[in-house]
């Protein structure tokens, strides 16, 4: 059985899309299509039906998927065990992180790592989606989560409190609120999609639903909406940037916790330990996580 065909079949089954599967395996659409057709020919039957632009497993495909997953799990376990025996600081290390962390913090955090360890190749995967660590799509994950999954190991890097942010453009047009209790008189940016379930946006919809003028499903985009004057935004303080002012903290909203995680089978791999140790030290430096710009007010007790 062709291993590339098996991986392609599983990727299509898990994503429901040729293009998404191609992105996952870092190949182009036509290569993914050819792999699927060759694998179906090898198996001797159609594995997917295309329904409403999505690839749905046939009965044959459903039966095959379980067997393929067991094969893949065995191969992944062997690869992790082999990697775990690596004692030389060389080879690739893939790091996945949310878009804002990957763009604003990790480049600086890793700036001198390559000079110290030139034989370790760093692969930075910027994604707000959680990548599967069991299948070694990434070796290290930097994740914003209240509590990491039990099958991963690591440490908490830092916490980012939530604050209200606004831009000078908005201030010139409307003015800034003096306190949390004044938010009901202002235009606000809310969450949508998965973002709407975060505690900050649940609170916002409970207390100021009618003041929400714009919604967004990604925090970095929300920060830029605030910078452009669409309204005031509730953001974790890692989103602080020169174009927006932090007005006051929201102490009753749980801080966002940033975790550094890996798979247990990889924690003794020297190159992975080196990267994780370096990132931990970098996030402990006072100069990496800069304070937000001016207009910071004292914490308000009125958030319920």
Protein backbone atom coordinates (compact mmCIF):
# COMPACT_ATOMS: atom_id res chain seq x y z
CA UNK A 1 0.00 0.00 0.00
CA UNK A 2 1.42 3.38 -1.05
CA UNK A 3 2.20 5.48 2.05
CA UNK A 4 1.62 8.80 0.26
CA UNK A 5 -1.71 7.53 -0.98
CA UNK A 6 -2.70 6.44 2.52
CA UNK A 7 -1.76 9.82 4.01
CA UNK A 8 -3.63 11.64 1.25
CA UNK A 9 -6.74 9.50 1.76
CA UNK A 10 -6.71 10.23 5.51
CA UNK A 11 -6.17 13.97 4.98
CA UNK A 12 -9.14 14.18 2.57
CA UNK A 13 -11.30 12.15 4.95
CA UNK A 14 -10.43 14.43 7.87
CA UNK A 15 -10.79 17.75 6.02
CA UNK A 16 -13.52 16.90 3.50
CA UNK A 17 -11.66 18.90 0.87
CA UNK A 18 -8.92 18.28 -1.68
CA UNK A 19 -7.49 21.77 -1.27
CA UNK A 20 -7.44 21.60 2.54
CA UNK A 21 -5.83 18.16 2.40
CA UNK A 22 -3.24 19.46 -0.07
CA UNK A 23 -2.42 22.36 2.25
CA UNK A 24 -2.03 19.98 5.19
CA UNK A 25 0.44 17.77 3.29
CA UNK A 26 2.14 20.71 1.56
CA UNK A 27 1.40 19.54 -1.98
CA UNK A 28 -0.62 21.12 -4.78
CA UNK A 29 -4.22 20.34 -5.67
CA UNK A 30 -3.41 18.31 -8.78
CA UNK A 31 -0.93 16.12 -6.89
CA UNK A 32 -3.55 15.40 -4.25
CA UNK A 33 -6.10 14.50 -6.95
CA UNK A 34 -3.63 12.13 -8.66
CA UNK A 35 -2.77 10.47 -5.35
CA UNK A 36 -6.44 9.90 -4.59
CA UNK A 37 -7.16 8.36 -7.98
CA UNK A 38 -4.07 6.12 -7.77
CA UNK A 39 -5.01 5.03 -4.25
CA UNK A 40 -8.60 4.24 -5.28
CA UNK A 41 -7.23 2.19 -8.18
CA UNK A 42 -4.91 0.33 -5.79
CA UNK A 43 -7.78 -0.34 -3.35
CA UNK A 44 -10.14 -1.31 -6.15
CA UNK A 45 -13.09 0.96 -5.47
CA UNK A 46 -14.38 4.51 -4.96
CA UNK A 47 -13.53 5.90 -1.53
CA UNK A 48 -15.43 9.21 -1.66
CA UNK A 49 -18.66 10.67 -2.98
CA UNK A 50 -18.61 14.37 -3.77
CA UNK A 51 -21.66 15.99 -2.17
CA UNK A 52 -22.20 19.76 -2.04
CA UNK A 53 -18.56 20.42 -2.91
CA UNK A 54 -17.42 18.18 -0.01
CA UNK A 55 -15.77 14.77 -0.12
CA UNK A 56 -17.83 12.24 1.85
CA UNK A 57 -16.60 8.72 2.60
CA UNK A 58 -18.29 5.84 0.83
CA UNK A 59 -19.03 2.66 2.75
CA UNK A 60 -15.74 1.27 1.45
CA UNK A 61 -13.94 4.43 2.53
CA UNK A 62 -15.42 4.33 6.03
CA UNK A 63 -14.25 0.77 6.52
CA UNK A 64 -10.78 1.57 5.22
CA UNK A 65 -10.31 4.73 7.29
CA UNK A 66 -10.21 2.89 10.62
CA UNK A 67 -7.50 0.52 9.35
CA UNK A 68 -5.47 3.41 7.91
CA UNK A 69 -5.68 5.34 11.17
CA UNK A 70 -4.27 2.36 13.06
CA UNK A 71 -1.42 2.04 10.54
CA UNK A 72 -0.67 5.77 10.74
CA UNK A 73 -0.74 5.73 14.55
CA UNK A 74 1.79 2.89 14.57
CA UNK A 75 4.09 4.70 12.13
CA UNK A 76 3.79 7.95 14.10
CA UNK A 77 4.64 6.15 17.34
CA UNK A 78 7.72 4.57 15.75
CA UNK A 79 8.83 7.96 14.39
CA UNK A 80 8.39 9.60 17.81
CA UNK A 81 10.35 6.81 19.51
CA UNK A 82 13.15 7.16 16.98
CA UNK A 83 13.13 10.95 17.40
CA UNK A 84 13.19 10.51 21.17
CA UNK A 85 16.53 8.73 20.90
CA UNK A 86 18.10 11.73 19.14
CA UNK A 87 20.86 13.18 21.33
CA UNK A 88 22.42 15.53 18.78
CA UNK A 89 21.29 19.18 18.58
CA UNK A 90 20.51 19.05 14.88
CA UNK A 91 17.55 18.45 12.62
CA UNK A 92 14.17 20.14 12.09
CA UNK A 93 11.88 21.50 14.80
CA UNK A 94 8.37 22.61 13.81
CA UNK A 95 6.67 25.21 16.00
CA UNK A 96 2.99 26.07 15.66
CA UNK A 97 1.62 29.28 17.16
CA UNK A 98 -1.38 31.60 16.79
CA UNK A 99 -0.95 34.19 14.06
CA UNK A 100 -0.29 37.18 16.33
CA UNK A 101 2.22 35.31 18.52
CA UNK A 102 3.98 33.88 15.45
CA UNK A 103 4.28 37.30 13.81
CA UNK A 104 4.99 39.59 16.75
CA UNK A 105 6.79 37.58 19.40
CA UNK A 106 8.42 34.40 18.11
CA UNK A 107 10.73 36.04 15.54
CA UNK A 108 12.29 38.14 18.30
CA UNK A 109 12.20 35.28 20.80
CA UNK A 110 14.12 33.04 18.38
CA UNK A 111 16.39 35.74 16.96
CA UNK A 112 19.65 34.41 18.41
CA UNK A 113 18.73 30.72 18.56
CA UNK A 114 19.90 29.97 15.02
CA UNK A 115 23.26 31.57 15.77
CA UNK A 116 23.76 29.27 18.74
CA UNK A 117 22.42 26.14 17.00
CA UNK A 118 22.92 26.45 13.23
CA UNK A 119 22.22 22.74 12.64
CA UNK A 120 18.68 23.00 14.02
CA UNK A 121 16.20 24.00 11.32
CA UNK A 122 13.22 25.94 12.68
CA UNK A 123 9.88 25.65 10.88
CA UNK A 124 7.34 28.22 12.10
CA UNK A 125 3.70 27.31 11.37
CA UNK A 126 1.40 30.31 11.84
CA UNK A 127 -2.16 29.12 12.44
CA UNK A 128 -5.06 29.88 14.74
CA UNK A 129 -6.21 26.27 14.32
CA UNK A 130 -4.91 23.64 16.73
CA UNK A 131 -2.53 21.34 14.87
CA UNK A 132 -2.53 17.62 15.72
CA UNK A 133 0.55 16.94 17.83
CA UNK A 134 -0.01 13.17 17.86
CA UNK A 135 0.71 12.95 14.13
CA UNK A 136 3.77 15.22 14.40
CA UNK A 137 2.30 17.96 12.25
CA UNK A 138 4.27 20.08 14.73
CA UNK A 139 6.83 19.28 17.43
CA UNK A 140 6.13 22.26 19.68
CA UNK A 141 2.91 24.21 20.13
CA UNK A 142 2.51 27.70 21.57
CA UNK A 143 -1.18 27.77 22.48
CA UNK A 144 -3.52 30.24 24.11
CA UNK A 145 -5.77 28.06 26.24
CA UNK A 146 -7.12 28.08 29.81
CA UNK A 147 -5.94 24.50 30.27
CA UNK A 148 -3.83 22.43 27.85
CA UNK A 149 -4.96 18.97 26.71
CA UNK A 150 -3.93 16.14 28.99
CA UNK A 151 -1.99 14.27 26.30
CA UNK A 152 0.59 17.09 25.97
CA UNK A 153 3.30 18.25 28.36
CA UNK A 154 4.89 21.65 28.89
CA UNK A 155 4.60 24.85 30.89
CA UNK A 156 2.71 28.12 30.96
CA UNK A 157 4.74 30.97 29.43
CA UNK A 158 2.72 33.98 30.52
CA UNK A 159 -0.73 35.49 30.94
CA UNK A 160 -2.28 38.33 28.95
CA UNK A 161 -5.00 40.32 30.75
CA UNK A 162 -7.90 41.66 28.69
CA UNK A 163 -8.38 45.39 28.19
CA UNK A 164 -10.51 47.85 26.24
CA UNK A 165 -8.67 49.41 23.29
CA UNK A 166 -9.47 52.35 21.04
CA UNK A 167 -7.69 54.37 18.37
CA UNK A 168 -6.90 58.10 18.13
CA UNK A 169 -9.20 58.18 15.09
CA UNK A 170 -12.09 56.93 17.20
CA UNK A 171 -11.20 59.33 20.01
CA UNK A 172 -11.30 62.32 17.65
CA UNK A 173 -14.69 61.28 16.35
CA UNK A 174 -16.43 60.09 19.51
CA UNK A 175 -14.09 60.42 22.49
CA UNK A 176 -12.98 57.71 24.89
CA UNK A 177 -15.06 56.28 27.75
CA UNK A 178 -14.00 57.35 31.21
CA UNK A 179 -14.69 53.95 32.74
CA UNK A 180 -16.23 50.55 32.07
CA UNK A 181 -19.65 51.90 32.99
CA UNK A 182 -19.46 54.30 30.02
CA UNK A 183 -19.14 51.51 27.42
CA UNK A 184 -22.91 51.58 26.87
CA UNK A 185 -22.46 54.96 25.16
CA UNK A 186 -19.88 53.74 22.66
CA UNK A 187 -19.57 51.69 19.48
CA UNK A 188 -18.08 48.28 20.20
CA UNK A 189 -16.49 45.47 18.20
CA UNK A 190 -17.80 42.02 19.11
CA UNK A 191 -16.91 38.43 18.36
CA UNK A 192 -18.49 36.03 15.90
CA UNK A 193 -18.02 32.33 15.15
CA UNK A 194 -15.84 30.57 17.71
CA UNK A 195 -14.68 33.95 18.99
CA UNK A 196 -18.16 34.69 20.32
CA UNK A 197 -17.78 31.94 22.94
CA UNK A 198 -14.75 33.54 24.62
CA UNK A 199 -15.60 34.96 28.07
CA UNK A 200 -14.87 38.55 27.00
CA UNK A 201 -17.37 38.46 24.15
CA UNK A 202 -19.96 36.51 26.12
CA UNK A 203 -19.79 39.34 28.67
CA UNK A 204 -19.95 41.96 25.92
CA UNK A 205 -23.07 40.44 24.37
CA UNK A 206 -24.71 40.07 27.76
CA UNK A 207 -24.14 43.69 28.78
CA UNK A 208 -23.72 45.72 25.59
CA UNK A 209 -25.21 43.70 22.73
CA UNK A 210 -26.96 46.72 21.21
CA UNK A 211 -23.70 48.71 21.10
CA UNK A 212 -21.89 46.14 18.94
CA UNK A 213 -21.53 47.71 15.49
CA UNK A 214 -19.00 45.31 13.93
CA UNK A 215 -18.09 41.68 14.57
CA UNK A 216 -14.95 39.69 13.80
CA UNK A 217 -13.74 36.11 14.26
CA UNK A 218 -10.01 36.80 14.72
CA UNK A 219 -8.28 38.95 17.34
CA UNK A 220 -5.55 40.44 15.16
CA UNK A 221 -8.12 41.53 12.59
CA UNK A 222 -10.20 42.92 15.46
CA UNK A 223 -7.23 45.01 16.61
CA UNK A 224 -6.91 46.48 13.12
CA UNK A 225 -10.63 47.21 13.03
CA UNK A 226 -10.17 49.15 16.26
CA UNK A 227 -7.15 50.95 14.81
CA UNK A 228 -9.25 52.02 11.81
CA UNK A 229 -11.87 53.54 14.12
CA UNK A 230 -14.68 51.01 13.72
CA UNK A 231 -15.21 50.98 17.48
CA UNK A 232 -13.69 50.00 20.80
CA UNK A 233 -12.33 46.46 21.06
CA UNK A 234 -11.92 44.02 23.93
CA UNK A 235 -8.50 42.43 23.41
CA UNK A 236 -5.88 40.44 25.31
CA UNK A 237 -2.83 42.61 25.90
CA UNK A 238 -0.65 40.66 23.47
CA UNK A 239 -2.60 42.55 20.79
CA UNK A 240 -1.31 45.95 22.01
CA UNK A 241 0.18 47.95 19.15
CA UNK A 242 1.14 51.58 18.44
CA UNK A 243 -2.10 52.33 16.54
CA UNK A 244 -4.43 51.66 19.49
CA UNK A 245 -4.50 52.86 23.09
CA UNK A 246 -5.23 50.64 26.06
CA UNK A 247 -7.94 52.46 28.00
CA UNK A 248 -8.49 50.22 31.03
CA UNK A 249 -8.22 46.61 32.09
CA UNK A 250 -11.15 44.20 32.42
CA UNK A 251 -10.11 42.41 35.63
CA UNK A 252 -13.16 40.15 35.90
CA UNK A 253 -12.45 38.54 32.50
CA UNK A 254 -9.97 35.64 32.84
CA UNK A 255 -6.54 36.39 31.43
CA UNK A 256 -5.47 34.50 28.31
CA UNK A 257 -2.86 31.90 29.25
CA UNK A 258 -0.08 31.13 26.79
CA UNK A 259 1.30 27.58 26.99
CA UNK A 260 4.41 25.95 25.53
CA UNK A 261 3.63 22.29 24.77
CA UNK A 262 5.01 19.16 23.15
CA UNK A 263 4.20 15.47 22.92
CA UNK A 264 5.50 13.34 25.84
CA UNK A 265 7.47 11.14 23.43
CA UNK A 266 9.47 14.20 22.30
CA UNK A 267 10.25 15.94 25.58
CA UNK A 268 13.68 14.28 25.89
CA UNK A 269 14.73 15.08 22.31
CA UNK A 270 17.64 17.45 22.79
CA UNK A 271 16.84 19.85 19.95
CA UNK A 272 13.23 20.18 21.12
CA UNK A 273 14.29 20.70 24.73
CA UNK A 274 16.70 23.40 23.56
CA UNK A 275 14.00 25.26 21.64
CA UNK A 276 11.52 25.02 24.52
CA UNK A 277 14.11 26.19 27.04
CA UNK A 278 15.07 29.10 24.79
CA UNK A 279 11.45 30.17 24.32
CA UNK A 280 10.80 29.97 28.06
CA UNK A 281 13.77 32.23 28.78
CA UNK A 282 12.75 34.64 26.02
CA UNK A 283 9.21 35.05 27.34
CA UNK A 284 10.64 35.67 30.80
CA UNK A 285 12.59 38.64 29.47
CA UNK A 286 10.99 41.96 30.30
CA UNK A 287 11.85 43.42 26.89
CA UNK A 288 9.96 40.82 24.82
CA UNK A 289 6.45 41.60 26.04
CA UNK A 290 6.23 45.35 25.74
CA UNK A 291 3.67 47.43 27.60
CA UNK A 292 0.77 48.82 25.58
CA UNK A 293 0.83 52.51 24.58
CA UNK A 294 -0.42 55.42 26.69
CA UNK A 295 -3.90 56.18 28.05
CA UNK A 296 -3.71 53.28 30.53
CA UNK A 297 -6.20 53.88 33.34
CA UNK A 298 -6.56 52.17 36.70
CA UNK A 299 -8.48 48.92 36.88
CA UNK A 300 -12.22 49.37 37.14
CA UNK A 301 -14.15 47.29 39.68
CA UNK A 302 -17.50 47.59 37.93
CA UNK A 303 -17.30 44.60 35.60
CA UNK A 304 -19.74 41.85 36.65
